[in-house]
Amino acid sequence: MTRYKFLLLSFVCLLQCIPQGYGHSWLACTDYAEKNGRYYDHDLCRGYARSALRLAPRGGTFGGDTGFDYHSQETKPCKTSRNDDTEYDADHRMAVYYPGQQVVLAHPMKNHGSDSCTNRYIPDSGNFIYRGNVNDQFDLTLSQFREELVADLGVKDPPDQSSDAYTQYPKPGYQNAPAFCENKDKSLGTYSFNVPSDLQPGRYTFLWLWGFNSIGDLYSSCFEVDIVSTLAERNSLLLSYGLSNFYEPCGGLTSNFGIYGNTNPGCTETDTGITTSTSPTTTTTTTAPATVSTSFTTTATTTTGRPGETLLAVQTLQIGGEINLPLAESGTMRRYISVHWDCPVIANFWNIRVTGYHDVAGSGGVHYNLLHEGYEMGSGKFYYHAMFTQPCDLKAYPPIAKIIRDEA
């Protein structure tokens, strides 16, 4: 009898204890107007995947599982058939890109994030965007799609027992969801990639593929894209759709950390959609110390030193480290921080959010605006990696980090 009761309880748990909403994800937005965002905002989506109007409608619950996830098949790589007249409408437009644009995609995490609230071993075997031919009318097979790679979106870093990097953001590939532990099922994940600069104008079907447990365990979303020639054409078409948000990220790294994001005339200094208070509670100008790694190269120049000695100018090409913050006053919810280099640099940050980026006119320097909030503030620090586009003398031009203001 005891064994029977145990089996009965086990069966009930199989029915009730499996996490609900454990779908295998899909692309919710194919042109999202914020890079590395924390929370999904329907107003920031300018392009949708095929059939979103029925399976992931605008204004519905982000990440709500209605069967939009799809296990890709060789003869049917897309969940629904191509029909541009019925699978899109005025509220669910297909995306508009121009060659060279840096694009952001959005997807729900559906419990597949690797973080302190789960573990470092969550599977992720790669993410890719492929395409059909220009102005095709029908879908290709999976193998045919995979003949034309648009972008390798990267893959999560392998587990490292000695590192807590799996809890730090932004991340490569699928795992880039800074608010994942706040809602493991419906949190926002984003990718970014560069549109190939040689794409001929016209309409394309793009195919997103995600290898979950293995590169053979593929999930897919199909979406149509109108490629236009220039930024001006892109903006004009979006405007005709009633959209006035022309946001495009500036530089930085794409989801594939080996590829830099393009910086085009259309890129935007400040992320659209970030709300900042106009009534800060505290203002501070403390410069936080930066820990610099030893990843650098040297170039010799003749400099006067002690008799018989020649000093060498140390020129840095890349550095990485952490920036420690002073203790915040009780009740502080947000900290606005700036990091400035007087050398041209492309920087990436973890455990903090980038809200703005711009070149400093005349100096060759680069200035980043950052936001520390939520659970990220608990560590009292954030991390960075910087790659200089030309050698930099950090002794003469050290990085400067400042707290601009704190807000309750």
Protein backbone atom coordinates (compact mmCIF):
# COMPACT_ATOMS: atom_id res chain seq x y z
CA MET A 1 0.00 0.00 0.00
CA THR A 2 2.84 2.40 0.85
CA ARG A 3 4.48 1.77 -2.51
CA TYR A 4 1.13 2.35 -4.28
CA LYS A 5 0.69 5.71 -2.54
CA PHE A 6 4.23 6.71 -3.57
CA LEU A 7 3.59 5.85 -7.20
CA LEU A 8 0.29 7.75 -7.15
CA LEU A 9 1.93 10.86 -5.67
CA SER A 10 4.72 10.63 -8.25
CA PHE A 11 2.16 10.49 -11.05
CA VAL A 12 0.33 13.54 -9.68
CA CYS A 13 3.63 15.42 -9.52
CA LEU A 14 4.34 14.59 -13.15
CA LEU A 15 1.07 16.28 -14.03
CA GLN A 16 1.36 19.27 -11.71
CA CYS A 17 5.05 19.85 -10.93
CA ILE A 18 6.34 20.39 -14.48
CA PRO A 19 6.92 24.13 -15.01
CA GLN A 20 4.14 25.68 -17.03
CA GLY A 21 4.88 27.73 -20.19
CA TYR A 22 8.04 25.72 -20.89
CA GLY A 23 8.00 26.37 -24.62
CA HIS A 24 11.11 26.45 -26.71
CA SER A 25 10.93 30.11 -27.75
CA TRP A 26 10.43 32.04 -30.97
CA LEU A 27 11.17 35.48 -32.38
CA ALA A 28 8.66 37.94 -30.97
CA CYS A 29 10.06 41.04 -32.71
CA THR A 30 12.28 41.23 -35.79
CA ASP A 31 13.22 44.92 -35.44
CA TYR A 32 13.35 45.97 -31.79
CA ALA A 33 14.28 49.56 -30.91
CA GLU A 34 16.50 48.88 -27.90
CA LYS A 35 19.74 46.95 -27.52
CA ASN A 36 20.34 44.79 -24.43
CA GLY A 37 16.99 45.80 -22.93
CA ARG A 38 15.58 44.42 -19.66
CA TYR A 39 11.82 44.49 -20.31
CA TYR A 40 9.81 44.04 -23.48
CA ASP A 41 7.88 47.07 -24.72
CA HIS A 42 5.36 46.52 -27.55
CA ASP A 43 5.85 50.13 -28.66
CA LEU A 44 9.50 49.41 -29.49
CA CYS A 45 8.70 46.67 -32.00
CA ARG A 46 8.76 47.74 -35.68
CA GLY A 47 8.70 44.30 -37.32
CA TYR A 48 7.15 40.92 -36.60
CA ALA A 49 7.66 37.28 -37.43
CA ARG A 50 5.31 35.56 -39.83
CA SER A 51 1.88 34.79 -38.30
CA ALA A 52 2.53 36.86 -35.18
CA LEU A 53 -0.85 38.54 -35.66
CA ARG A 54 -2.45 35.20 -34.72
CA LEU A 55 0.13 33.50 -32.51
CA ALA A 56 1.98 36.36 -30.74
CA PRO A 57 -0.16 39.47 -31.28
CA ARG A 58 0.90 43.00 -30.47
CA GLY A 59 -0.41 44.00 -27.05
CA GLY A 60 -0.72 40.41 -25.87
CA THR A 61 1.31 38.86 -23.07
CA PHE A 62 4.96 38.79 -24.08
CA GLY A 63 6.07 35.18 -24.06
CA GLY A 64 2.52 33.84 -23.73
CA ASP A 65 2.68 30.27 -25.06
CA THR A 66 0.16 29.86 -27.88
CA GLY A 67 2.11 27.32 -29.88
CA PHE A 68 4.33 29.81 -31.73
CA ASP A 69 7.44 27.74 -31.01
CA TYR A 70 8.26 25.31 -33.80
CA HIS A 71 10.60 22.34 -34.17
CA SER A 72 12.07 22.95 -37.61
CA GLN A 73 11.83 20.23 -40.28
CA GLU A 74 13.81 19.75 -43.48
CA THR A 75 10.81 19.98 -45.81
CA LYS A 76 8.95 22.51 -43.67
CA PRO A 77 11.39 24.88 -41.96
CA CYS A 78 8.66 27.48 -41.19
CA LYS A 79 5.69 26.84 -38.91
CA THR A 80 3.22 28.48 -41.34
CA SER A 81 3.27 28.84 -45.10
CA ARG A 82 4.36 32.01 -46.85
CA ASN A 83 1.48 34.40 -47.57
CA ASP A 84 2.37 38.08 -47.22
CA ASP A 85 -1.26 39.18 -47.55
CA THR A 86 -2.65 37.12 -44.67
CA GLU A 87 0.32 36.66 -42.31
CA TYR A 88 0.93 40.39 -41.73
CA ASP A 89 -1.34 43.37 -41.15
CA ALA A 90 -1.14 47.08 -40.29
CA ASP A 91 -0.34 46.29 -36.64
CA HIS A 92 2.10 43.49 -37.46
CA ARG A 93 4.33 44.76 -40.26
CA MET A 94 7.24 42.89 -41.72
CA ALA A 95 10.63 44.36 -40.88
CA VAL A 96 12.44 46.99 -42.97
CA TYR A 97 16.26 46.96 -43.02
CA TYR A 98 18.93 48.64 -45.06
CA PRO A 99 22.36 47.12 -45.90
CA GLY A 100 24.85 47.55 -43.09
CA GLN A 101 22.24 48.38 -40.43
CA GLN A 102 22.72 46.98 -36.93
CA VAL A 103 19.46 45.23 -36.04
CA VAL A 104 18.06 44.01 -32.70
CA LEU A 105 15.80 40.94 -32.41
CA ALA A 106 13.66 40.06 -29.38
CA HIS A 107 12.53 36.68 -28.03
CA PRO A 108 11.03 35.34 -24.77
CA MET A 109 13.38 33.23 -22.66
CA LYS A 110 10.87 30.45 -21.83
CA ASN A 111 12.93 29.21 -18.86
CA HIS A 112 16.08 28.54 -20.90
CA GLY A 113 18.39 31.12 -19.32
CA SER A 114 21.64 30.33 -17.54
CA ASP A 115 21.86 32.41 -14.35
CA SER A 116 22.03 32.22 -10.57
CA CYS A 117 18.33 31.27 -10.42
CA THR A 118 18.90 28.26 -12.70
CA ASN A 119 22.42 26.95 -13.40
CA ARG A 120 25.37 27.37 -15.72
CA TYR A 121 24.61 24.20 -17.72
CA ILE A 122 21.43 25.27 -19.55
CA PRO A 123 21.88 24.02 -23.12
CA ASP A 124 22.42 26.36 -26.07
CA SER A 125 24.02 25.07 -29.26
CA GLY A 126 24.03 28.17 -31.45
CA ASN A 127 21.78 30.74 -33.11
CA PHE A 128 21.74 31.73 -36.76
CA ILE A 129 19.86 33.82 -39.31
CA TYR A 130 19.61 32.43 -42.86
CA ARG A 131 17.73 33.78 -45.89
CA GLY A 132 16.04 32.85 -49.10
CA ASN A 133 16.57 34.53 -52.46
CA VAL A 134 15.46 38.05 -53.22
CA ASN A 135 11.75 38.30 -54.14
CA ASP A 136 11.10 34.57 -53.75
CA GLN A 137 7.40 33.73 -53.45
CA PHE A 138 7.70 30.40 -51.66
CA ASP A 139 9.74 28.90 -48.83
CA LEU A 140 12.84 26.85 -49.43
CA THR A 141 13.81 23.64 -47.67
CA LEU A 142 15.85 23.90 -44.51
CA SER A 143 19.01 22.85 -46.37
CA GLN A 144 18.39 25.49 -49.05
CA PHE A 145 17.92 28.23 -46.47
CA ARG A 146 21.17 27.25 -44.81
CA GLU A 147 23.10 27.90 -47.99
CA GLU A 148 22.81 31.68 -47.34
CA LEU A 149 23.98 32.76 -43.89
CA VAL A 150 22.91 36.25 -42.85
CA ALA A 151 24.37 36.25 -39.34
CA ASP A 152 25.87 33.95 -36.75
CA LEU A 153 24.22 35.24 -33.55
CA GLY A 154 26.68 33.50 -31.27
CA VAL A 155 26.49 30.79 -28.63
CA LYS A 156 26.70 30.95 -24.85
CA ASP A 157 30.13 30.69 -23.26
CA PRO A 158 30.92 27.15 -22.07
CA PRO A 159 30.45 26.47 -18.34
CA ASP A 160 33.41 27.57 -16.23
CA GLN A 161 33.48 26.27 -12.67
CA SER A 162 35.89 29.01 -11.59
CA SER A 163 33.88 31.96 -12.94
CA ASP A 164 30.54 33.63 -12.28
CA ALA A 165 30.46 35.13 -15.79
CA TYR A 166 27.30 33.16 -16.55
CA THR A 167 25.41 35.59 -14.28
CA GLN A 168 26.75 38.75 -15.96
CA TYR A 169 25.31 40.72 -18.90
CA PRO A 170 25.28 41.33 -21.78
CA LYS A 171 25.84 37.75 -22.91
CA PRO A 172 26.48 36.17 -26.30
CA GLY A 173 23.80 34.28 -28.16
CA TYR A 174 20.45 33.24 -26.74
CA GLN A 175 21.26 33.96 -23.10
CA ASN A 176 21.24 37.79 -23.24
CA ALA A 177 18.35 38.47 -20.83
CA PRO A 178 19.40 40.76 -17.95
CA ALA A 179 16.03 40.45 -16.15
CA PHE A 180 15.84 36.65 -16.56
CA CYS A 181 15.68 35.85 -12.84
CA GLU A 182 12.74 38.22 -12.40
CA ASN A 183 10.58 36.10 -14.71
CA LYS A 184 12.27 33.00 -16.10
CA ASP A 185 9.38 32.20 -18.44
CA LYS A 186 8.53 35.59 -19.94
CA SER A 187 11.69 37.66 -19.58
CA LEU A 188 13.11 39.47 -22.62
CA GLY A 189 16.10 38.14 -24.54
CA THR A 190 17.67 40.14 -27.37
CA TYR A 191 20.12 39.56 -30.18
CA SER A 192 21.91 42.09 -32.36
CA PHE A 193 23.55 41.61 -35.76
CA ASN A 194 24.74 43.51 -38.81
CA VAL A 195 22.70 43.27 -42.01
CA PRO A 196 25.08 42.21 -44.82
CA SER A 197 26.21 45.29 -46.74
CA ASP A 198 25.88 43.56 -50.12
CA LEU A 199 22.19 42.58 -49.90
CA GLN A 200 20.28 43.58 -53.03
CA PRO A 201 17.09 45.61 -52.33
CA GLY A 202 13.92 43.54 -52.39
CA ARG A 203 11.89 41.22 -50.18
CA TYR A 204 13.46 38.23 -48.43
CA THR A 205 12.38 35.47 -46.11
CA PHE A 206 14.75 35.23 -43.15
CA LEU A 207 14.96 32.08 -41.02
CA TRP A 208 15.99 32.16 -37.36
CA LEU A 209 17.41 28.85 -36.15
CA TRP A 210 18.26 28.01 -32.56
CA GLY A 211 20.01 24.78 -31.63
CA PHE A 212 18.68 23.90 -28.18
CA ASN A 213 20.06 20.60 -26.82
CA SER A 214 22.22 20.10 -29.88
CA ILE A 215 22.74 21.61 -33.33
CA GLY A 216 20.31 18.95 -34.58
CA ASP A 217 17.58 19.99 -32.11
CA LEU A 218 16.47 23.06 -34.05
CA TYR A 219 13.72 25.58 -33.34
CA SER A 220 12.83 28.19 -35.93
CA SER A 221 10.90 31.33 -36.76
CA CYS A 222 10.43 32.70 -40.27
CA PHE A 223 10.03 36.38 -41.02
CA GLU A 224 9.86 38.53 -44.09
CA VAL A 225 12.10 41.57 -44.52
CA ASP A 226 12.00 44.42 -47.01
CA ILE A 227 15.58 45.46 -47.79
CA VAL A 228 15.80 49.05 -49.02
CA SER A 229 18.86 50.85 -50.33
CA THR A 230 19.46 53.55 -47.75
CA LEU A 231 18.73 54.81 -44.26
CA ALA A 232 16.53 57.56 -45.74
CA GLU A 233 14.38 54.97 -47.57
CA ARG A 234 14.09 52.90 -44.40
CA ASN A 235 12.95 55.90 -42.36
CA SER A 236 10.52 57.04 -45.05
CA LEU A 237 8.88 53.59 -45.18
CA LEU A 238 8.62 53.36 -41.40
CA LEU A 239 7.09 56.83 -41.33
CA SER A 240 4.47 55.74 -43.87
CA TYR A 241 3.56 52.95 -41.42
CA GLY A 242 2.91 55.55 -38.72
CA LEU A 243 6.21 54.90 -36.93
CA SER A 244 8.59 57.68 -35.91
CA ASN A 245 11.10 55.74 -33.82
CA PHE A 246 14.16 55.33 -36.04
CA TYR A 247 16.45 53.96 -33.32
CA GLU A 248 19.53 52.03 -34.40
CA PRO A 249 22.31 50.92 -32.01
CA CYS A 250 25.74 52.51 -32.25
CA GLY A 251 28.75 50.21 -32.43
CA GLY A 252 29.50 47.95 -29.49
CA LEU A 253 29.49 44.19 -29.87
CA THR A 254 26.83 42.13 -31.58
CA SER A 255 25.36 38.96 -30.03
CA ASN A 256 28.35 37.19 -31.50
CA PHE A 257 31.10 38.71 -29.35
CA GLY A 258 33.62 38.17 -32.14
CA ILE A 259 31.76 40.66 -34.39
CA TYR A 260 31.52 44.40 -33.80
CA GLY A 261 28.25 46.21 -34.36
CA ASN A 262 28.18 48.65 -37.25
CA THR A 263 28.06 52.37 -36.55
CA ASN A 264 26.02 54.00 -39.31
CA PRO A 265 24.57 57.48 -39.87
CA GLY A 266 21.27 56.20 -38.49
CA CYS A 267 22.60 55.01 -35.14
CA THR A 268 21.14 56.66 -32.07
CA GLU A 269 23.09 58.16 -29.18
CA THR A 270 20.55 57.29 -26.49
CA ASP A 271 18.45 54.13 -26.30
CA THR A 272 14.79 54.79 -27.07
CA GLY A 273 12.31 53.63 -24.45
CA ILE A 274 14.39 54.25 -21.34
CA THR A 275 12.50 56.38 -18.83
CA THR A 276 14.59 58.51 -16.51
CA SER A 277 13.31 60.53 -13.58
CA THR A 278 13.70 64.30 -13.57
CA SER A 279 13.91 64.45 -9.77
CA PRO A 280 17.16 62.81 -8.66
CA THR A 281 17.61 62.39 -4.93
CA THR A 282 21.40 62.51 -4.77
CA THR A 283 24.15 63.73 -7.06
CA THR A 284 27.70 62.46 -6.78
CA THR A 285 30.84 62.94 -8.83
CA THR A 286 32.99 60.26 -7.21
CA THR A 287 35.41 58.67 -9.65
CA ALA A 288 35.33 54.91 -9.24
CA PRO A 289 38.59 52.96 -9.56
CA ALA A 290 39.07 50.72 -12.60
CA THR A 291 40.96 47.43 -12.52
CA VAL A 292 42.92 47.00 -15.74
CA SER A 293 43.94 43.63 -17.13
CA THR A 294 47.38 42.85 -18.52
CA SER A 295 46.19 42.23 -22.07
CA PHE A 296 48.18 44.81 -24.05
CA THR A 297 50.93 45.25 -26.61
CA THR A 298 53.93 47.53 -26.44
CA THR A 299 55.66 49.78 -28.96
CA ALA A 300 59.14 51.13 -28.38
CA THR A 301 59.89 54.82 -28.66
CA THR A 302 63.02 56.70 -27.59
CA THR A 303 62.33 58.59 -24.37
CA THR A 304 64.80 60.23 -22.00
CA GLY A 305 65.29 58.18 -18.81
CA ARG A 306 68.16 57.47 -16.46
CA PRO A 307 71.65 57.42 -18.02
CA GLY A 308 72.00 54.32 -20.11
CA GLU A 309 68.26 53.54 -20.05
CA THR A 310 65.58 53.93 -22.70
CA LEU A 311 61.99 54.11 -21.49
CA LEU A 312 59.36 52.39 -23.58
CA ALA A 313 55.93 53.87 -24.22
CA VAL A 314 53.33 51.23 -23.29
CA GLN A 315 50.51 51.24 -25.83
CA THR A 316 47.35 49.35 -24.90
CA LEU A 317 45.10 47.64 -27.44
CA GLN A 318 42.62 46.01 -25.07
CA ILE A 319 41.84 45.96 -21.36
CA GLY A 320 39.28 44.38 -19.08
CA GLY A 321 38.38 44.62 -15.44
CA GLU A 322 35.86 45.84 -12.93
CA ILE A 323 34.66 49.21 -11.65
CA ASN A 324 33.78 49.32 -7.95
CA LEU A 325 31.06 51.64 -6.69
CA PRO A 326 30.77 53.37 -3.30
CA LEU A 327 27.89 52.26 -1.10
CA ALA A 328 24.58 53.78 -2.19
CA GLU A 329 22.31 55.57 0.24
CA SER A 330 19.34 53.60 1.57
CA GLY A 331 16.42 53.64 -0.86
CA THR A 332 18.51 54.14 -4.00
CA MET A 333 16.91 52.31 -6.94
CA ARG A 334 19.00 53.56 -9.87
CA ARG A 335 22.50 54.84 -10.40
CA TYR A 336 23.45 56.77 -13.53
CA ILE A 337 27.12 56.35 -14.35
CA SER A 338 29.46 57.55 -17.09
CA VAL A 339 32.66 55.94 -18.35
CA HIS A 340 34.94 57.98 -20.59
CA TRP A 341 38.03 57.18 -22.62
CA ASP A 342 40.18 59.79 -24.39
CA CYS A 343 41.17 57.16 -26.95
CA PRO A 344 38.89 55.68 -29.65
CA VAL A 345 37.47 52.49 -28.16
CA ILE A 346 34.68 49.93 -28.45
CA ALA A 347 33.60 48.84 -24.97
CA ASN A 348 31.36 46.11 -23.63
CA PHE A 349 29.87 46.08 -20.12
CA TRP A 350 28.44 43.40 -17.81
CA ASN A 351 26.16 43.73 -14.77
CA ILE A 352 25.04 47.16 -15.96
CA ARG A 353 22.98 48.60 -18.80
CA VAL A 354 24.32 50.83 -21.60
CA THR A 355 21.89 53.73 -22.19
CA GLY A 356 23.98 55.95 -24.43
CA TYR A 357 27.18 56.12 -26.44
CA HIS A 358 28.84 58.91 -28.38
CA ASP A 359 32.17 60.09 -29.73
CA VAL A 360 33.56 63.19 -28.07
CA ALA A 361 34.00 65.80 -30.79
CA GLY A 362 37.59 66.81 -31.43
CA SER A 363 39.20 64.57 -28.80
CA GLY A 364 38.98 61.14 -30.41
CA GLY A 365 37.49 59.97 -27.13
CA VAL A 366 34.39 57.88 -26.44
CA HIS A 367 31.78 58.39 -23.73
CA TYR A 368 29.35 55.74 -22.42
CA ASN A 369 26.26 56.41 -20.30
CA LEU A 370 25.28 53.51 -18.03
CA LEU A 371 22.41 52.58 -15.72
CA HIS A 372 22.78 50.37 -12.63
CA GLU A 373 19.44 49.14 -11.24
CA GLY A 374 17.57 46.17 -9.82
CA TYR A 375 19.42 43.10 -8.62
CA GLU A 376 22.55 44.22 -10.52
CA MET A 377 23.17 46.85 -7.83
CA GLY A 378 23.67 44.20 -5.17
CA SER A 379 27.24 43.42 -6.21
CA GLY A 380 28.41 47.02 -5.92
CA LYS A 381 30.44 46.69 -9.09
CA PHE A 382 30.24 46.19 -12.83
CA TYR A 383 32.64 44.80 -15.41
CA TYR A 384 34.02 45.96 -18.73
CA HIS A 385 36.10 44.96 -21.71
CA ALA A 386 37.48 47.63 -24.01
CA MET A 387 39.17 47.24 -27.38
CA PHE A 388 40.96 50.30 -28.78
CA THR A 389 40.80 50.93 -32.51
CA GLN A 390 44.33 52.32 -32.30
CA PRO A 391 46.98 51.93 -29.57
CA CYS A 392 46.28 54.02 -26.47
CA ASP A 393 48.70 55.31 -23.81
CA LEU A 394 46.62 54.69 -20.69
CA LYS A 395 49.17 56.41 -18.45
CA ALA A 396 48.55 59.66 -20.33
CA TYR A 397 44.85 59.00 -20.99
CA PRO A 398 43.39 56.89 -18.16
CA PRO A 399 39.69 55.91 -18.27
CA ILE A 400 37.41 58.02 -16.06
CA ALA A 401 34.31 56.57 -14.38
CA LYS A 402 31.85 58.79 -12.52
CA ILE A 403 28.53 58.47 -10.75
CA ILE A 404 26.32 61.13 -12.30
CA ARG A 405 23.39 60.75 -9.95
CA ASP A 406 21.45 58.37 -7.73
CA GLU A 407 17.66 58.08 -7.76
CA ALA A 408 15.17 56.64 -5.31
